[in-house]
Amino acid sequence: MFAREEDVLEAAARWRREGRGVALATVVETWGSAPRPVGSHLAIDEAGGFLGSVSGGCVEGAVVAEAGEVIATGEARLLEFGVADETAWQVGLSCGGRIRVYLEKVV
């Protein structure tokens, strides 16, 4: 779901104030054709609810899946998706682009 970056960050902060476990994904690097620019955010809560966008399609599904473990462990991750990866077609970057997404727990 697309939203203004300010809305995504405010939602993450609000969810934390409500006592939810929250992770924040941020596009930190792109190469070639990428659906969202560097600085794009996706906020994910412990129940799998999310707001924002880091790419679209299956990439976001993969990021949401990883977020649960990041929330549980508190260990940040750097995720990379791209055409060189054997999962490129599965996660929706068959257009030739690559992205790196930093995923961290919001405390």
C-alpha atoms as a PDB file:
ATOM      1  CA  MET A   1       0.000   0.000   0.000  1.00  0.00           C
ATOM      2  CA  PHE A   2       1.443   3.374  -0.987  1.00  0.00           C
ATOM      3  CA  ALA A   3       1.410   6.157   1.584  1.00  0.00           C
ATOM      4  CA  ARG A   4       3.366   9.328   2.205  1.00  0.00           C
ATOM      5  CA  GLU A   5       6.662   8.513   3.925  1.00  0.00           C
ATOM      6  CA  GLU A   6       5.639  10.745   6.864  1.00  0.00           C
ATOM      7  CA  ASP A   7       2.444   8.702   7.286  1.00  0.00           C
ATOM      8  CA  VAL A   8       4.405   5.445   7.363  1.00  0.00           C
ATOM      9  CA  LEU A   9       6.814   6.713  10.010  1.00  0.00           C
ATOM     10  CA  GLU A  10       3.967   8.148  12.096  1.00  0.00           C
ATOM     11  CA  ALA A  11       2.098   4.844  11.881  1.00  0.00           C
ATOM     12  CA  ALA A  12       5.194   2.968  13.096  1.00  0.00           C
ATOM     13  CA  ALA A  13       5.553   5.359  16.040  1.00  0.00           C
ATOM     14  CA  ARG A  14       1.844   5.150  16.862  1.00  0.00           C
ATOM     15  CA  TRP A  15       1.866   1.341  16.736  1.00  0.00           C
ATOM     16  CA  ARG A  16       4.815   1.303  19.190  1.00  0.00           C
ATOM     17  CA  ARG A  17       2.976   3.680  21.534  1.00  0.00           C
ATOM     18  CA  GLU A  18       0.064   1.230  21.408  1.00  0.00           C
ATOM     19  CA  GLY A  19       2.412  -1.528  22.576  1.00  0.00           C
ATOM     20  CA  ARG A  20       2.731  -3.403  19.291  1.00  0.00           C
ATOM     21  CA  GLY A  21       5.959  -4.966  18.077  1.00  0.00           C
ATOM     22  CA  VAL A  22       7.013  -3.054  14.965  1.00  0.00           C
ATOM     23  CA  ALA A  23       9.665  -3.314  12.269  1.00  0.00           C
ATOM     24  CA  LEU A  24      10.605  -0.677   9.716  1.00  0.00           C
ATOM     25  CA  ALA A  25      11.926  -1.543   6.265  1.00  0.00           C
ATOM     26  CA  THR A  26      13.799   1.136   4.313  1.00  0.00           C
ATOM     27  CA  VAL A  27      15.088   1.009   0.729  1.00  0.00           C
ATOM     28  CA  VAL A  28      18.779   1.859   1.137  1.00  0.00           C
ATOM     29  CA  GLU A  29      20.109   1.139  -2.347  1.00  0.00           C
ATOM     30  CA  THR A  30      18.803   0.518  -5.854  1.00  0.00           C
ATOM     31  CA  TRP A  31      20.356  -0.503  -9.177  1.00  0.00           C
ATOM     32  CA  GLY A  32      18.692  -0.439 -12.557  1.00  0.00           C
ATOM     33  CA  SER A  33      14.931  -0.466 -12.706  1.00  0.00           C
ATOM     34  CA  ALA A  34      13.475  -0.294  -9.193  1.00  0.00           C
ATOM     35  CA  PRO A  35       9.805   0.303  -8.340  1.00  0.00           C
ATOM     36  CA  ARG A  36      10.469   2.553  -5.316  1.00  0.00           C
ATOM     37  CA  PRO A  37      13.288   5.059  -4.662  1.00  0.00           C
ATOM     38  CA  VAL A  38      15.892   5.028  -1.905  1.00  0.00           C
ATOM     39  CA  GLY A  39      14.290   6.194   1.340  1.00  0.00           C
ATOM     40  CA  SER A  40      10.960   4.459   0.763  1.00  0.00           C
ATOM     41  CA  HIS A  41       9.527   2.825   3.897  1.00  0.00           C
ATOM     42  CA  LEU A  42       7.325  -0.095   4.878  1.00  0.00           C
ATOM     43  CA  ALA A  43       6.152  -0.339   8.502  1.00  0.00           C
ATOM     44  CA  ILE A  44       5.122  -3.804   9.691  1.00  0.00           C
ATOM     45  CA  ASP A  45       3.471  -4.753  12.979  1.00  0.00           C
ATOM     46  CA  GLU A  46       3.789  -8.056  14.837  1.00  0.00           C
ATOM     47  CA  ALA A  47       0.477  -9.295  13.419  1.00  0.00           C
ATOM     48  CA  GLY A  48       1.677  -8.787   9.839  1.00  0.00           C
ATOM     49  CA  GLY A  49      -0.240  -5.560   9.235  1.00  0.00           C
ATOM     50  CA  PHE A  50       1.693  -3.047   7.163  1.00  0.00           C
ATOM     51  CA  LEU A  51       1.682   0.418   5.637  1.00  0.00           C
ATOM     52  CA  GLY A  52       3.915   1.846   2.930  1.00  0.00           C
ATOM     53  CA  SER A  53       5.909   0.256   0.144  1.00  0.00           C
ATOM     54  CA  VAL A  54       9.485  -0.771  -0.588  1.00  0.00           C
ATOM     55  CA  SER A  55       8.861  -2.415  -3.941  1.00  0.00           C
ATOM     56  CA  GLY A  56       5.546  -4.083  -4.564  1.00  0.00           C
ATOM     57  CA  GLY A  57       4.218  -7.539  -5.118  1.00  0.00           C
ATOM     58  CA  CYS A  58       6.090 -10.475  -3.681  1.00  0.00           C
ATOM     59  CA  VAL A  59       9.066  -8.426  -2.468  1.00  0.00           C
ATOM     60  CA  GLU A  60       6.858  -6.872   0.158  1.00  0.00           C
ATOM     61  CA  GLY A  61       5.517 -10.284   1.128  1.00  0.00           C
ATOM     62  CA  ALA A  62       9.090 -11.471   1.666  1.00  0.00           C
ATOM     63  CA  VAL A  63       9.920  -8.374   3.734  1.00  0.00           C
ATOM     64  CA  VAL A  64       6.794  -8.816   5.884  1.00  0.00           C
ATOM     65  CA  ALA A  65       7.740 -12.466   6.464  1.00  0.00           C
ATOM     66  CA  GLU A  66      11.257 -11.477   7.590  1.00  0.00           C
ATOM     67  CA  ALA A  67       9.861  -8.711   9.828  1.00  0.00           C
ATOM     68  CA  GLY A  68       8.314 -11.183  12.250  1.00  0.00           C
ATOM     69  CA  GLU A  69      11.720 -12.600  13.103  1.00  0.00           C
ATOM     70  CA  VAL A  70      13.316  -9.147  13.306  1.00  0.00           C
ATOM     71  CA  ILE A  71      10.611  -8.078  15.770  1.00  0.00           C
ATOM     72  CA  ALA A  72      11.104 -11.265  17.823  1.00  0.00           C
ATOM     73  CA  THR A  73      14.923 -11.171  17.940  1.00  0.00           C
ATOM     74  CA  GLY A  74      15.656  -7.460  17.641  1.00  0.00           C
ATOM     75  CA  GLU A  75      18.375  -8.263  15.088  1.00  0.00           C
ATOM     76  CA  ALA A  76      18.349  -5.997  12.030  1.00  0.00           C
ATOM     77  CA  ARG A  77      18.851  -7.448   8.548  1.00  0.00           C
ATOM     78  CA  LEU A  78      19.951  -6.206   5.158  1.00  0.00           C
ATOM     79  CA  LEU A  79      17.850  -7.888   2.481  1.00  0.00           C
ATOM     80  CA  GLU A  80      18.695  -7.890  -1.216  1.00  0.00           C
ATOM     81  CA  PHE A  81      16.348  -8.676  -4.056  1.00  0.00           C
ATOM     82  CA  GLY A  82      17.217  -8.642  -7.715  1.00  0.00           C
ATOM     83  CA  VAL A  83      17.385 -10.245 -11.096  1.00  0.00           C
ATOM     84  CA  ALA A  84      20.712 -11.951 -10.292  1.00  0.00           C
ATOM     85  CA  ASP A  85      19.096 -13.745  -7.382  1.00  0.00           C
ATOM     86  CA  GLU A  86      17.563 -17.140  -8.144  1.00  0.00           C
ATOM     87  CA  THR A  87      14.366 -15.884  -6.476  1.00  0.00           C
ATOM     88  CA  ALA A  88      14.076 -12.771  -8.659  1.00  0.00           C
ATOM     89  CA  TRP A  89      11.020 -14.016 -10.556  1.00  0.00           C
ATOM     90  CA  GLN A  90       9.357 -15.147  -7.330  1.00  0.00           C
ATOM     91  CA  VAL A  91       9.704 -11.770  -5.627  1.00  0.00           C
ATOM     92  CA  GLY A  92       8.812  -9.680  -8.651  1.00  0.00           C
ATOM     93  CA  LEU A  93      12.034  -7.987  -9.805  1.00  0.00           C
ATOM     94  CA  SER A  94      12.235  -9.663 -13.170  1.00  0.00           C
ATOM     95  CA  CYS A  95      12.530  -6.164 -14.725  1.00  0.00           C
ATOM     96  CA  GLY A  96      16.292  -6.221 -14.166  1.00  0.00           C
ATOM     97  CA  GLY A  97      16.476  -4.063 -11.074  1.00  0.00           C
ATOM     98  CA  ARG A  98      17.977  -4.816  -7.692  1.00  0.00           C
ATOM     99  CA  ILE A  99      17.186  -3.307  -4.330  1.00  0.00           C
ATOM    100  CA  ARG A 100      18.609  -3.482  -0.826  1.00  0.00           C
ATOM    101  CA  VAL A 101      16.221  -3.095   2.084  1.00  0.00           C
ATOM    102  CA  TYR A 102      17.321  -2.488   5.671  1.00  0.00           C
ATOM    103  CA  LEU A 103      14.892  -4.070   8.128  1.00  0.00           C
ATOM    104  CA  GLU A 104      15.036  -3.073  11.791  1.00  0.00           C
ATOM    105  CA  LYS A 105      12.948  -3.341  14.937  1.00  0.00           C
ATOM    106  CA  VAL A 106      11.395  -0.094  16.125  1.00  0.00           C
ATOM    107  CA  VAL A 107      12.083   0.387  19.832  1.00  0.00           C
END
